[in-house]
Amino acid sequence: MFKDKFCKWPKLLRFLVFISLIPPLGMFYLVYSNLAPAYLLNETLTMVGSFNLILLTWGLLLKIRAKKYWYRSYHIGKTMLLALIPILACGYLLATDQNAPRVAQQVKSQYVEISIN
C-alpha cells in the first residue's frame, strides 16, 4: 500500500475528503431553502462526520508513512483540516440543539369566554 507511485494515496484521500463535503452542503442548501426538514441536516452531518473520522485516521497513517518512507510532505495536514469541518459542524449542532421533549412542545388548548355587557 505504501509504495507510492504518482502520489496516488494522498490524491485519493484528498478526493474522498472533497467528495464528503458535497452531501452536507447540498443538504444545507435544501434546509435553508425550506425544501427539507432540519433533522435531515443533523443525520447527514452525523454520517459524513463518522466517515471523516475514518478518513482522519487514514490521513494520520499516511502522514506518518509519508515522512518515514517517501521523505515528502504531501500536504496531508491541510486535507485533514478540511476533513474536520463536518465533524466540527456536527459537534456544534449537537451541542446547541436544546430541544425539549416532544410532549413539552405540544400546544395546550385554552378556552376563552367572552361576555358582552
PDB file of N, CA and C in Angstrom:
ATOM      1  N   MET A   1       0.810  -1.196   0.000  1.00  0.00           N
ATOM      2  CA  MET A   1       0.000   0.000   0.000  1.00  0.00           C
ATOM      3  C   MET A   1       0.856   1.264   0.000  1.00  0.00           C
ATOM      4  N   PHE A   2       2.002   1.208   0.653  1.00  0.00           N
ATOM      5  CA  PHE A   2       2.745   2.437   0.840  1.00  0.00           C
ATOM      6  C   PHE A   2       3.879   2.626  -0.155  1.00  0.00           C
ATOM      7  N   LYS A   3       3.933   1.802  -1.202  1.00  0.00           N
ATOM      8  CA  LYS A   3       4.838   2.113  -2.298  1.00  0.00           C
ATOM      9  C   LYS A   3       4.099   3.093  -3.183  1.00  0.00           C
ATOM     10  N   ASP A   4       4.429   4.348  -3.016  1.00  0.00           N
ATOM     11  CA  ASP A   4       3.632   5.398  -3.646  1.00  0.00           C
ATOM     12  C   ASP A   4       4.213   5.760  -4.995  1.00  0.00           C
ATOM     13  N   LYS A   5       3.514   5.385  -6.035  1.00  0.00           N
ATOM     14  CA  LYS A   5       3.869   5.822  -7.373  1.00  0.00           C
ATOM     15  C   LYS A   5       2.823   6.823  -7.800  1.00  0.00           C
ATOM     16  N   PHE A   6       3.250   7.943  -8.284  1.00  0.00           N
ATOM     17  CA  PHE A   6       2.383   9.008  -8.788  1.00  0.00           C
ATOM     18  C   PHE A   6       1.516   9.633  -7.692  1.00  0.00           C
ATOM     19  N   CYS A   7       1.928   9.533  -6.431  1.00  0.00           N
ATOM     20  CA  CYS A   7       1.242  10.210  -5.319  1.00  0.00           C
ATOM     21  C   CYS A   7      -0.232   9.804  -5.250  1.00  0.00           C
ATOM     22  N   LYS A   8      -0.532   8.517  -5.449  1.00  0.00           N
ATOM     23  CA  LYS A   8      -1.929   8.109  -5.577  1.00  0.00           C
ATOM     24  C   LYS A   8      -2.678   8.075  -4.249  1.00  0.00           C
ATOM     25  N   TRP A   9      -2.038   7.706  -3.127  1.00  0.00           N
ATOM     26  CA  TRP A   9      -2.770   7.610  -1.867  1.00  0.00           C
ATOM     27  C   TRP A   9      -3.151   8.982  -1.310  1.00  0.00           C
ATOM     28  N   PRO A  10      -2.256   9.957  -1.299  1.00  0.00           N
ATOM     29  CA  PRO A  10      -2.699  11.293  -0.859  1.00  0.00           C
ATOM     30  C   PRO A  10      -3.741  11.913  -1.782  1.00  0.00           C
ATOM     31  N   LYS A  11      -3.638  11.641  -3.091  1.00  0.00           N
ATOM     32  CA  LYS A  11      -4.651  12.157  -4.018  1.00  0.00           C
ATOM     33  C   LYS A  11      -6.005  11.516  -3.760  1.00  0.00           C
ATOM     34  N   LEU A  12      -6.012  10.224  -3.460  1.00  0.00           N
ATOM     35  CA  LEU A  12      -7.268   9.534  -3.155  1.00  0.00           C
ATOM     36  C   LEU A  12      -7.869  10.076  -1.852  1.00  0.00           C
ATOM     37  N   LEU A  13      -7.040  10.328  -0.856  1.00  0.00           N
ATOM     38  CA  LEU A  13      -7.528  10.911   0.399  1.00  0.00           C
ATOM     39  C   LEU A  13      -8.134  12.286   0.147  1.00  0.00           C
ATOM     40  N   ARG A  14      -7.460  13.102  -0.615  1.00  0.00           N
ATOM     41  CA  ARG A  14      -7.951  14.449  -0.922  1.00  0.00           C
ATOM     42  C   ARG A  14      -9.276  14.380  -1.690  1.00  0.00           C
ATOM     43  N   PHE A  15      -9.366  13.463  -2.643  1.00  0.00           N
ATOM     44  CA  PHE A  15     -10.595  13.292  -3.415  1.00  0.00           C
ATOM     45  C   PHE A  15     -11.753  12.861  -2.515  1.00  0.00           C
ATOM     46  N   LEU A  16     -11.511  11.903  -1.622  1.00  0.00           N
ATOM     47  CA  LEU A  16     -12.570  11.435  -0.731  1.00  0.00           C
ATOM     48  C   LEU A  16     -13.024  12.517   0.243  1.00  0.00           C
ATOM     49  N   VAL A  17     -12.093  13.347   0.700  1.00  0.00           N
ATOM     50  CA  VAL A  17     -12.471  14.442   1.602  1.00  0.00           C
ATOM     51  C   VAL A  17     -13.334  15.458   0.863  1.00  0.00           C
ATOM     52  N   PHE A  18     -12.956  15.811  -0.352  1.00  0.00           N
ATOM     53  CA  PHE A  18     -13.765  16.768  -1.115  1.00  0.00           C
ATOM     54  C   PHE A  18     -15.142  16.197  -1.453  1.00  0.00           C
ATOM     55  N   ILE A  19     -15.204  14.922  -1.776  1.00  0.00           N
ATOM     56  CA  ILE A  19     -16.486  14.286  -2.062  1.00  0.00           C
ATOM     57  C   ILE A  19     -17.357  14.249  -0.804  1.00  0.00           C
ATOM     58  N   SER A  20     -16.741  14.068   0.364  1.00  0.00           N
ATOM     59  CA  SER A  20     -17.523  14.002   1.600  1.00  0.00           C
ATOM     60  C   SER A  20     -18.088  15.362   2.001  1.00  0.00           C
ATOM     61  N   LEU A  21     -17.615  16.435   1.409  1.00  0.00           N
ATOM     62  CA  LEU A  21     -18.154  17.760   1.721  1.00  0.00           C
ATOM     63  C   LEU A  21     -19.406  18.088   0.902  1.00  0.00           C
ATOM     64  N   ILE A  22     -19.664  17.347  -0.162  1.00  0.00           N
ATOM     65  CA  ILE A  22     -20.805  17.645  -1.034  1.00  0.00           C
ATOM     66  C   ILE A  22     -22.163  17.353  -0.376  1.00  0.00           C
ATOM     67  N   PRO A  23     -22.380  16.185   0.271  1.00  0.00           N
ATOM     68  CA  PRO A  23     -23.706  15.943   0.867  1.00  0.00           C
ATOM     69  C   PRO A  23     -24.117  16.959   1.940  1.00  0.00           C
ATOM     70  N   PRO A  24     -23.226  17.373   2.875  1.00  0.00           N
ATOM     71  CA  PRO A  24     -23.676  18.378   3.841  1.00  0.00           C
ATOM     72  C   PRO A  24     -23.991  19.724   3.193  1.00  0.00           C
ATOM     73  N   LEU A  25     -23.218  20.109   2.177  1.00  0.00           N
ATOM     74  CA  LEU A  25     -23.511  21.373   1.512  1.00  0.00           C
ATOM     75  C   LEU A  25     -24.847  21.321   0.769  1.00  0.00           C
ATOM     76  N   GLY A  26     -25.112  20.209   0.112  1.00  0.00           N
ATOM     77  CA  GLY A  26     -26.387  20.052  -0.580  1.00  0.00           C
ATOM     78  C   GLY A  26     -27.560  20.037   0.388  1.00  0.00           C
ATOM     79  N   MET A  27     -27.408  19.316   1.504  1.00  0.00           N
ATOM     80  CA  MET A  27     -28.483  19.264   2.483  1.00  0.00           C
ATOM     81  C   MET A  27     -28.679  20.615   3.156  1.00  0.00           C
ATOM     82  N   PHE A  28     -27.580  21.343   3.403  1.00  0.00           N
ATOM     83  CA  PHE A  28     -27.703  22.681   3.988  1.00  0.00           C
ATOM     84  C   PHE A  28     -28.487  23.594   3.054  1.00  0.00           C
ATOM     85  N   TYR A  29     -28.234  23.500   1.766  1.00  0.00           N
ATOM     86  CA  TYR A  29     -28.974  24.316   0.801  1.00  0.00           C
ATOM     87  C   TYR A  29     -30.456  23.956   0.815  1.00  0.00           C
ATOM     88  N   LEU A  30     -30.767  22.650   0.862  1.00  0.00           N
ATOM     89  CA  LEU A  30     -32.162  22.225   0.880  1.00  0.00           C
ATOM     90  C   LEU A  30     -32.884  22.678   2.152  1.00  0.00           C
ATOM     91  N   VAL A  31     -32.201  22.596   3.296  1.00  0.00           N
ATOM     92  CA  VAL A  31     -32.814  23.034   4.557  1.00  0.00           C
ATOM     93  C   VAL A  31     -32.960  24.546   4.569  1.00  0.00           C
ATOM     94  N   TYR A  32     -31.971  25.248   4.052  1.00  0.00           N
ATOM     95  CA  TYR A  32     -32.010  26.716   4.035  1.00  0.00           C
ATOM     96  C   TYR A  32     -33.136  27.234   3.142  1.00  0.00           C
ATOM     97  N   SER A  33     -33.409  26.531   2.053  1.00  0.00           N
ATOM     98  CA  SER A  33     -34.487  26.963   1.156  1.00  0.00           C
ATOM     99  C   SER A  33     -35.821  26.296   1.497  1.00  0.00           C
ATOM    100  N   ASN A  34     -35.914  25.669   2.672  1.00  0.00           N
ATOM    101  CA  ASN A  34     -37.139  25.043   3.186  1.00  0.00           C
ATOM    102  C   ASN A  34     -37.687  23.947   2.277  1.00  0.00           C
ATOM    103  N   LEU A  35     -36.811  23.208   1.643  1.00  0.00           N
ATOM    104  CA  LEU A  35     -37.231  22.072   0.829  1.00  0.00           C
ATOM    105  C   LEU A  35     -37.094  20.746   1.573  1.00  0.00           C
ATOM    106  N   ALA A  36     -36.399  20.765   2.715  1.00  0.00           N
ATOM    107  CA  ALA A  36     -36.191  19.559   3.518  1.00  0.00           C
ATOM    108  C   ALA A  36     -36.260  19.940   4.996  1.00  0.00           C
ATOM    109  N   PRO A  37     -36.660  18.996   5.849  1.00  0.00           N
ATOM    110  CA  PRO A  37     -36.700  19.299   7.282  1.00  0.00           C
ATOM    111  C   PRO A  37     -35.293  19.401   7.872  1.00  0.00           C
ATOM    112  N   ALA A  38     -35.194  20.086   8.991  1.00  0.00           N
ATOM    113  CA  ALA A  38     -33.883  20.374   9.582  1.00  0.00           C
ATOM    114  C   ALA A  38     -33.200  19.135  10.157  1.00  0.00           C
ATOM    115  N   TYR A  39     -33.977  18.141  10.573  1.00  0.00           N
ATOM    116  CA  TYR A  39     -33.343  16.960  11.169  1.00  0.00           C
ATOM    117  C   TYR A  39     -32.527  16.172  10.145  1.00  0.00           C
ATOM    118  N   LEU A  40     -32.827  16.313   8.861  1.00  0.00           N
ATOM    119  CA  LEU A  40     -32.030  15.631   7.838  1.00  0.00           C
ATOM    120  C   LEU A  40     -30.608  16.168   7.780  1.00  0.00           C
ATOM    121  N   LEU A  41     -30.443  17.458   8.095  1.00  0.00           N
ATOM    122  CA  LEU A  41     -29.098  18.020   8.129  1.00  0.00           C
ATOM    123  C   LEU A  41     -28.287  17.383   9.251  1.00  0.00           C
ATOM    124  N   ASN A  42     -28.916  17.165  10.414  1.00  0.00           N
ATOM    125  CA  ASN A  42     -28.219  16.517  11.524  1.00  0.00           C
ATOM    126  C   ASN A  42     -27.820  15.092  11.161  1.00  0.00           C
ATOM    127  N   GLU A  43     -28.729  14.359  10.535  1.00  0.00           N
ATOM    128  CA  GLU A  43     -28.419  12.979  10.154  1.00  0.00           C
ATOM    129  C   GLU A  43     -27.306  12.925   9.109  1.00  0.00           C
ATOM    130  N   THR A  44     -27.364  13.822   8.148  1.00  0.00           N
ATOM    131  CA  THR A  44     -26.329  13.853   7.109  1.00  0.00           C
ATOM    132  C   THR A  44     -24.976  14.196   7.706  1.00  0.00           C
ATOM    133  N   LEU A  45     -24.948  15.186   8.585  1.00  0.00           N
ATOM    134  CA  LEU A  45     -23.676  15.561   9.207  1.00  0.00           C
ATOM    135  C   LEU A  45     -23.136  14.452  10.097  1.00  0.00           C
ATOM    136  N   THR A  46     -23.999  13.701  10.743  1.00  0.00           N
ATOM    137  CA  THR A  46     -23.541  12.591  11.577  1.00  0.00           C
ATOM    138  C   THR A  46     -22.908  11.494  10.727  1.00  0.00           C
ATOM    139  N   MET A  47     -23.547  11.158   9.611  1.00  0.00           N
ATOM    140  CA  MET A  47     -22.979  10.116   8.741  1.00  0.00           C
ATOM    141  C   MET A  47     -21.661  10.569   8.119  1.00  0.00           C
ATOM    142  N   VAL A  48     -21.629  11.795   7.621  1.00  0.00           N
ATOM    143  CA  VAL A  48     -20.412  12.296   6.984  1.00  0.00           C
ATOM    144  C   VAL A  48     -19.308  12.488   8.025  1.00  0.00           C
ATOM    145  N   GLY A  49     -19.687  12.904   9.227  1.00  0.00           N
ATOM    146  CA  GLY A  49     -18.696  13.058  10.294  1.00  0.00           C
ATOM    147  C   GLY A  49     -18.055  11.741  10.682  1.00  0.00           C
ATOM    148  N   SER A  50     -18.844  10.674  10.743  1.00  0.00           N
ATOM    149  CA  SER A  50     -18.267   9.364  11.066  1.00  0.00           C
ATOM    150  C   SER A  50     -17.367   8.875   9.931  1.00  0.00           C
ATOM    151  N   PHE A  51     -17.761   9.129   8.694  1.00  0.00           N
ATOM    152  CA  PHE A  51     -16.898   8.774   7.562  1.00  0.00           C
ATOM    153  C   PHE A  51     -15.593   9.567   7.607  1.00  0.00           C
ATOM    154  N   ASN A  52     -15.674  10.839   7.983  1.00  0.00           N
ATOM    155  CA  ASN A  52     -14.477  11.667   8.039  1.00  0.00           C
ATOM    156  C   ASN A  52     -13.581  11.284   9.208  1.00  0.00           C
ATOM    157  N   LEU A  53     -14.126  10.717  10.267  1.00  0.00           N
ATOM    158  CA  LEU A  53     -13.262  10.198  11.330  1.00  0.00           C
ATOM    159  C   LEU A  53     -12.394   9.060  10.802  1.00  0.00           C
ATOM    160  N   ILE A  54     -12.979   8.215   9.968  1.00  0.00           N
ATOM    161  CA  ILE A  54     -12.204   7.144   9.338  1.00  0.00           C
ATOM    162  C   ILE A  54     -11.142   7.745   8.416  1.00  0.00           C
ATOM    163  N   LEU A  55     -11.517   8.779   7.664  1.00  0.00           N
ATOM    164  CA  LEU A  55     -10.542   9.436   6.788  1.00  0.00           C
ATOM    165  C   LEU A  55      -9.421  10.094   7.593  1.00  0.00           C
ATOM    166  N   LEU A  56      -9.746  10.623   8.761  1.00  0.00           N
ATOM    167  CA  LEU A  56      -8.705  11.248   9.593  1.00  0.00           C
ATOM    168  C   LEU A  56      -7.693  10.219  10.093  1.00  0.00           C
ATOM    169  N   THR A  57      -8.177   9.044  10.500  1.00  0.00           N
ATOM    170  CA  THR A  57      -7.224   8.019  10.942  1.00  0.00           C
ATOM    171  C   THR A  57      -6.362   7.549   9.776  1.00  0.00           C
ATOM    172  N   TRP A  58      -6.966   7.418   8.600  1.00  0.00           N
ATOM    173  CA  TRP A  58      -6.183   7.044   7.425  1.00  0.00           C
ATOM    174  C   TRP A  58      -5.192   8.148   7.076  1.00  0.00           C
ATOM    175  N   GLY A  59      -5.606   9.405   7.225  1.00  0.00           N
ATOM    176  CA  GLY A  59      -4.703  10.530   6.970  1.00  0.00           C
ATOM    177  C   GLY A  59      -3.528  10.554   7.930  1.00  0.00           C
ATOM    178  N   LEU A  60      -3.787  10.217   9.198  1.00  0.00           N
ATOM    179  CA  LEU A  60      -2.672  10.136  10.153  1.00  0.00           C
ATOM    180  C   LEU A  60      -1.684   9.053   9.751  1.00  0.00           C
ATOM    181  N   LEU A  61      -2.211   7.904   9.330  1.00  0.00           N
ATOM    182  CA  LEU A  61      -1.327   6.837   8.839  1.00  0.00           C
ATOM    183  C   LEU A  61      -0.511   7.297   7.630  1.00  0.00           C
ATOM    184  N   LEU A  62      -1.167   7.966   6.704  1.00  0.00           N
ATOM    185  CA  LEU A  62      -0.458   8.450   5.518  1.00  0.00           C
ATOM    186  C   LEU A  62       0.594   9.488   5.882  1.00  0.00           C
ATOM    187  N   LYS A  63       0.280  10.351   6.841  1.00  0.00           N
ATOM    188  CA  LYS A  63       1.237  11.381   7.234  1.00  0.00           C
ATOM    189  C   LYS A  63       2.480  10.767   7.863  1.00  0.00           C
ATOM    190  N   ILE A  64       2.263   9.761   8.699  1.00  0.00           N
ATOM    191  CA  ILE A  64       3.410   9.073   9.315  1.00  0.00           C
ATOM    192  C   ILE A  64       4.222   8.348   8.257  1.00  0.00           C
ATOM    193  N   ARG A  65       3.545   7.658   7.346  1.00  0.00           N
ATOM    194  CA  ARG A  65       4.241   6.920   6.293  1.00  0.00           C
ATOM    195  C   ARG A  65       4.935   7.854   5.304  1.00  0.00           C
ATOM    196  N   ALA A  66       4.345   9.023   5.067  1.00  0.00           N
ATOM    197  CA  ALA A  66       4.953   9.956   4.116  1.00  0.00           C
ATOM    198  C   ALA A  66       6.306  10.423   4.626  1.00  0.00           C
ATOM    199  N   LYS A  67       6.411  10.678   5.907  1.00  0.00           N
ATOM    200  CA  LYS A  67       7.697  11.126   6.458  1.00  0.00           C
ATOM    201  C   LYS A  67       8.691   9.967   6.526  1.00  0.00           C
ATOM    202  N   LYS A  68       8.166   8.769   6.812  1.00  0.00           N
ATOM    203  CA  LYS A  68       9.055   7.628   7.038  1.00  0.00           C
ATOM    204  C   LYS A  68       9.570   7.010   5.737  1.00  0.00           C
ATOM    205  N   TYR A  69       8.675   6.832   4.749  1.00  0.00           N
ATOM    206  CA  TYR A  69       9.048   6.119   3.541  1.00  0.00           C
ATOM    207  C   TYR A  69       9.320   7.018   2.347  1.00  0.00           C
ATOM    208  N   TRP A  70       8.514   8.056   2.186  1.00  0.00           N
ATOM    209  CA  TRP A  70       8.606   8.836   0.964  1.00  0.00           C
ATOM    210  C   TRP A  70       9.469  10.069   1.119  1.00  0.00           C
ATOM    211  N   TYR A  71       9.749  10.464   2.357  1.00  0.00           N
ATOM    212  CA  TYR A  71      10.559  11.654   2.659  1.00  0.00           C
ATOM    213  C   TYR A  71       9.984  12.897   1.997  1.00  0.00           C
ATOM    214  N   ARG A  72       8.673  12.969   1.966  1.00  0.00           N
ATOM    215  CA  ARG A  72       7.997  14.103   1.353  1.00  0.00           C
ATOM    216  C   ARG A  72       6.850  14.546   2.242  1.00  0.00           C
ATOM    217  N   SER A  73       6.418  15.753   2.009  1.00  0.00           N
ATOM    218  CA  SER A  73       5.205  16.242   2.651  1.00  0.00           C
ATOM    219  C   SER A  73       4.174  16.467   1.545  1.00  0.00           C
ATOM    220  N   TYR A  74       3.099  15.723   1.591  1.00  0.00           N
ATOM    221  CA  TYR A  74       2.080  15.805   0.564  1.00  0.00           C
ATOM    222  C   TYR A  74       0.929  16.723   0.967  1.00  0.00           C
ATOM    223  N   HIS A  75       1.136  17.586   1.939  1.00  0.00           N
ATOM    224  CA  HIS A  75       0.097  18.486   2.441  1.00  0.00           C
ATOM    225  C   HIS A  75      -1.110  17.700   2.946  1.00  0.00           C
ATOM    226  N   ILE A  76      -0.832  16.595   3.582  1.00  0.00           N
ATOM    227  CA  ILE A  76      -1.898  15.762   4.131  1.00  0.00           C
ATOM    228  C   ILE A  76      -2.561  16.469   5.303  1.00  0.00           C
ATOM    229  N   GLY A  77      -1.809  17.272   6.029  1.00  0.00           N
ATOM    230  CA  GLY A  77      -2.371  18.000   7.163  1.00  0.00           C
ATOM    231  C   GLY A  77      -3.467  18.969   6.748  1.00  0.00           C
ATOM    232  N   LYS A  78      -3.294  19.612   5.604  1.00  0.00           N
ATOM    233  CA  LYS A  78      -4.329  20.540   5.115  1.00  0.00           C
ATOM    234  C   LYS A  78      -5.586  19.782   4.706  1.00  0.00           C
ATOM    235  N   THR A  79      -5.406  18.628   4.115  1.00  0.00           N
ATOM    236  CA  THR A  79      -6.555  17.800   3.747  1.00  0.00           C
ATOM    237  C   THR A  79      -7.278  17.314   4.988  1.00  0.00           C
ATOM    238  N   MET A  80      -6.526  16.954   6.021  1.00  0.00           N
ATOM    239  CA  MET A  80      -7.140  16.504   7.266  1.00  0.00           C
ATOM    240  C   MET A  80      -7.877  17.651   7.956  1.00  0.00           C
ATOM    241  N   LEU A  81      -7.385  18.864   7.791  1.00  0.00           N
ATOM    242  CA  LEU A  81      -8.084  20.024   8.345  1.00  0.00           C
ATOM    243  C   LEU A  81      -9.435  20.216   7.662  1.00  0.00           C
ATOM    244  N   LEU A  82      -9.493  19.985   6.359  1.00  0.00           N
ATOM    245  CA  LEU A  82     -10.774  20.034   5.642  1.00  0.00           C
ATOM    246  C   LEU A  82     -11.718  18.930   6.102  1.00  0.00           C
ATOM    247  N   ALA A  83     -11.161  17.777   6.460  1.00  0.00           N
ATOM    248  CA  ALA A  83     -11.997  16.667   6.917  1.00  0.00           C
ATOM    249  C   ALA A  83     -12.603  16.960   8.286  1.00  0.00           C
ATOM    250  N   LEU A  84     -12.027  17.893   9.025  1.00  0.00           N
ATOM    251  CA  LEU A  84     -12.568  18.248  10.341  1.00  0.00           C
ATOM    252  C   LEU A  84     -13.818  19.116  10.262  1.00  0.00           C
ATOM    253  N   ILE A  85     -14.049  19.769   9.143  1.00  0.00           N
ATOM    254  CA  ILE A  85     -15.178  20.709   9.030  1.00  0.00           C
ATOM    255  C   ILE A  85     -16.521  20.033   9.314  1.00  0.00           C
ATOM    256  N   PRO A  86     -16.873  18.902   8.681  1.00  0.00           N
ATOM    257  CA  PRO A  86     -18.160  18.277   9.019  1.00  0.00           C
ATOM    258  C   PRO A  86     -18.221  17.757  10.451  1.00  0.00           C
ATOM    259  N   ILE A  87     -17.088  17.311  10.980  1.00  0.00           N
ATOM    260  CA  ILE A  87     -17.070  16.819  12.358  1.00  0.00           C
ATOM    261  C   ILE A  87     -17.340  17.958  13.328  1.00  0.00           C
ATOM    262  N   LEU A  88     -16.708  19.107  13.107  1.00  0.00           N
ATOM    263  CA  LEU A  88     -16.949  20.267  13.962  1.00  0.00           C
ATOM    264  C   LEU A  88     -18.372  20.800  13.802  1.00  0.00           C
ATOM    265  N   ALA A  89     -18.887  20.796  12.594  1.00  0.00           N
ATOM    266  CA  ALA A  89     -20.262  21.257  12.370  1.00  0.00           C
ATOM    267  C   ALA A  89     -21.259  20.345  13.072  1.00  0.00           C
ATOM    268  N   CYS A  90     -21.026  19.040  13.014  1.00  0.00           N
ATOM    269  CA  CYS A  90     -21.911  18.094  13.689  1.00  0.00           C
ATOM    270  C   CYS A  90     -21.835  18.289  15.200  1.00  0.00           C
ATOM    271  N   GLY A  91     -20.642  18.480  15.718  1.00  0.00           N
ATOM    272  CA  GLY A  91     -20.491  18.730  17.151  1.00  0.00           C
ATOM    273  C   GLY A  91     -21.172  20.011  17.582  1.00  0.00           C
ATOM    274  N   TYR A  92     -21.080  21.048  16.762  1.00  0.00           N
ATOM    275  CA  TYR A  92     -21.729  22.321  17.079  1.00  0.00           C
ATOM    276  C   TYR A  92     -23.247  22.179  17.089  1.00  0.00           C
ATOM    277  N   LEU A  93     -23.788  21.481  16.087  1.00  0.00           N
ATOM    278  CA  LEU A  93     -25.235  21.294  16.046  1.00  0.00           C
ATOM    279  C   LEU A  93     -25.734  20.450  17.212  1.00  0.00           C
ATOM    280  N   LEU A  94     -24.970  19.431  17.587  1.00  0.00           N
ATOM    281  CA  LEU A  94     -25.383  18.604  18.715  1.00  0.00           C
ATOM    282  C   LEU A  94     -25.266  19.360  20.033  1.00  0.00           C
ATOM    283  N   ALA A  95     -24.263  20.234  20.148  1.00  0.00           N
ATOM    284  CA  ALA A  95     -24.081  20.990  21.389  1.00  0.00           C
ATOM    285  C   ALA A  95     -25.126  22.085  21.549  1.00  0.00           C
ATOM    286  N   THR A  96     -25.554  22.701  20.461  1.00  0.00           N
ATOM    287  CA  THR A  96     -26.507  23.799  20.557  1.00  0.00           C
ATOM    288  C   THR A  96     -27.950  23.353  20.414  1.00  0.00           C
ATOM    289  N   ASP A  97     -28.186  22.097  20.118  1.00  0.00           N
ATOM    290  CA  ASP A  97     -29.547  21.593  19.958  1.00  0.00           C
ATOM    291  C   ASP A  97     -30.145  21.360  21.340  1.00  0.00           C
ATOM    292  N   GLN A  98     -30.964  22.287  21.789  1.00  0.00           N
ATOM    293  CA  GLN A  98     -31.565  22.227  23.116  1.00  0.00           C
ATOM    294  C   GLN A  98     -33.060  21.961  23.013  1.00  0.00           C
ATOM    295  N   ASN A  99     -33.439  21.002  22.221  1.00  0.00           N
ATOM    296  CA  ASN A  99     -34.860  20.693  22.062  1.00  0.00           C
ATOM    297  C   ASN A  99     -35.404  20.072  23.337  1.00  0.00           C
ATOM    298  N   ALA A 100     -36.545  20.557  23.753  1.00  0.00           N
ATOM    299  CA  ALA A 100     -37.247  19.963  24.880  1.00  0.00           C
ATOM    300  C   ALA A 100     -37.933  18.694  24.398  1.00  0.00           C
ATOM    301  N   PRO A 101     -38.391  17.874  25.298  1.00  0.00           N
ATOM    302  CA  PRO A 101     -39.126  16.679  24.849  1.00  0.00           C
ATOM    303  C   PRO A 101     -40.359  17.071  24.037  1.00  0.00           C
ATOM    304  N   ARG A 102     -40.792  16.175  23.189  1.00  0.00           N
ATOM    305  CA  ARG A 102     -41.920  16.460  22.293  1.00  0.00           C
ATOM    306  C   ARG A 102     -43.207  16.764  23.069  1.00  0.00           C
ATOM    307  N   VAL A 103     -43.390  16.150  24.218  1.00  0.00           N
ATOM    308  CA  VAL A 103     -44.606  16.374  24.984  1.00  0.00           C
ATOM    309  C   VAL A 103     -44.654  17.808  25.483  1.00  0.00           C
ATOM    310  N   ALA A 104     -43.518  18.341  25.869  1.00  0.00           N
ATOM    311  CA  ALA A 104     -43.485  19.708  26.386  1.00  0.00           C
ATOM    312  C   ALA A 104     -43.708  20.730  25.280  1.00  0.00           C
ATOM    313  N   GLN A 105     -43.486  20.366  24.035  1.00  0.00           N
ATOM    314  CA  GLN A 105     -43.646  21.304  22.939  1.00  0.00           C
ATOM    315  C   GLN A 105     -45.072  21.363  22.409  1.00  0.00           C
ATOM    316  N   GLN A 106     -45.923  20.488  22.882  1.00  0.00           N
ATOM    317  CA  GLN A 106     -47.288  20.483  22.375  1.00  0.00           C
ATOM    318  C   GLN A 106     -48.022  21.725  22.868  1.00  0.00           C
ATOM    319  N   VAL A 107     -48.849  22.244  22.023  1.00  0.00           N
ATOM    320  CA  VAL A 107     -49.615  23.439  22.350  1.00  0.00           C
ATOM    321  C   VAL A 107     -50.795  23.040  23.224  1.00  0.00           C
ATOM    322  N   LYS A 108     -50.941  23.739  24.332  1.00  0.00           N
ATOM    323  CA  LYS A 108     -52.044  23.458  25.248  1.00  0.00           C
ATOM    324  C   LYS A 108     -53.249  24.285  24.813  1.00  0.00           C
ATOM    325  N   SER A 109     -54.371  23.636  24.647  1.00  0.00           N
ATOM    326  CA  SER A 109     -55.563  24.362  24.221  1.00  0.00           C
ATOM    327  C   SER A 109     -56.135  25.141  25.402  1.00  0.00           C
ATOM    328  N   GLN A 110     -56.577  26.341  25.127  1.00  0.00           N
ATOM    329  CA  GLN A 110     -57.139  27.204  26.157  1.00  0.00           C
ATOM    330  C   GLN A 110     -58.529  27.650  25.716  1.00  0.00           C
ATOM    331  N   TYR A 111     -59.405  27.735  26.694  1.00  0.00           N
ATOM    332  CA  TYR A 111     -60.771  28.193  26.431  1.00  0.00           C
ATOM    333  C   TYR A 111     -60.889  29.642  26.863  1.00  0.00           C
ATOM    334  N   VAL A 112     -61.509  30.432  26.033  1.00  0.00           N
ATOM    335  CA  VAL A 112     -61.696  31.846  26.319  1.00  0.00           C
ATOM    336  C   VAL A 112     -63.196  32.147  26.304  1.00  0.00           C
ATOM    337  N   GLU A 113     -63.680  32.775  27.351  1.00  0.00           N
ATOM    338  CA  GLU A 113     -65.079  33.163  27.402  1.00  0.00           C
ATOM    339  C   GLU A 113     -65.188  34.666  27.189  1.00  0.00           C
ATOM    340  N   ILE A 114     -66.065  35.044  26.309  1.00  0.00           N
ATOM    341  CA  ILE A 114     -66.271  36.460  26.048  1.00  0.00           C
ATOM    342  C   ILE A 114     -67.693  36.816  26.505  1.00  0.00           C
ATOM    343  N   SER A 115     -67.786  37.784  27.362  1.00  0.00           N
ATOM    344  CA  SER A 115     -69.109  38.217  27.815  1.00  0.00           C
ATOM    345  C   SER A 115     -69.350  39.656  27.364  1.00  0.00           C
ATOM    346  N   ILE A 116     -70.538  39.883  26.910  1.00  0.00           N
ATOM    347  CA  ILE A 116     -70.904  41.227  26.437  1.00  0.00           C
ATOM    348  C   ILE A 116     -71.867  41.823  27.453  1.00  0.00           C
ATOM    349  N   ASN A 117     -71.529  42.958  27.970  1.00  0.00           N
ATOM    350  CA  ASN A 117     -72.402  43.629  28.942  1.00  0.00           C
ATOM    351  C   ASN A 117     -73.196  44.714  28.325  1.00  0.00           C
TER     352      ASN A 117
END
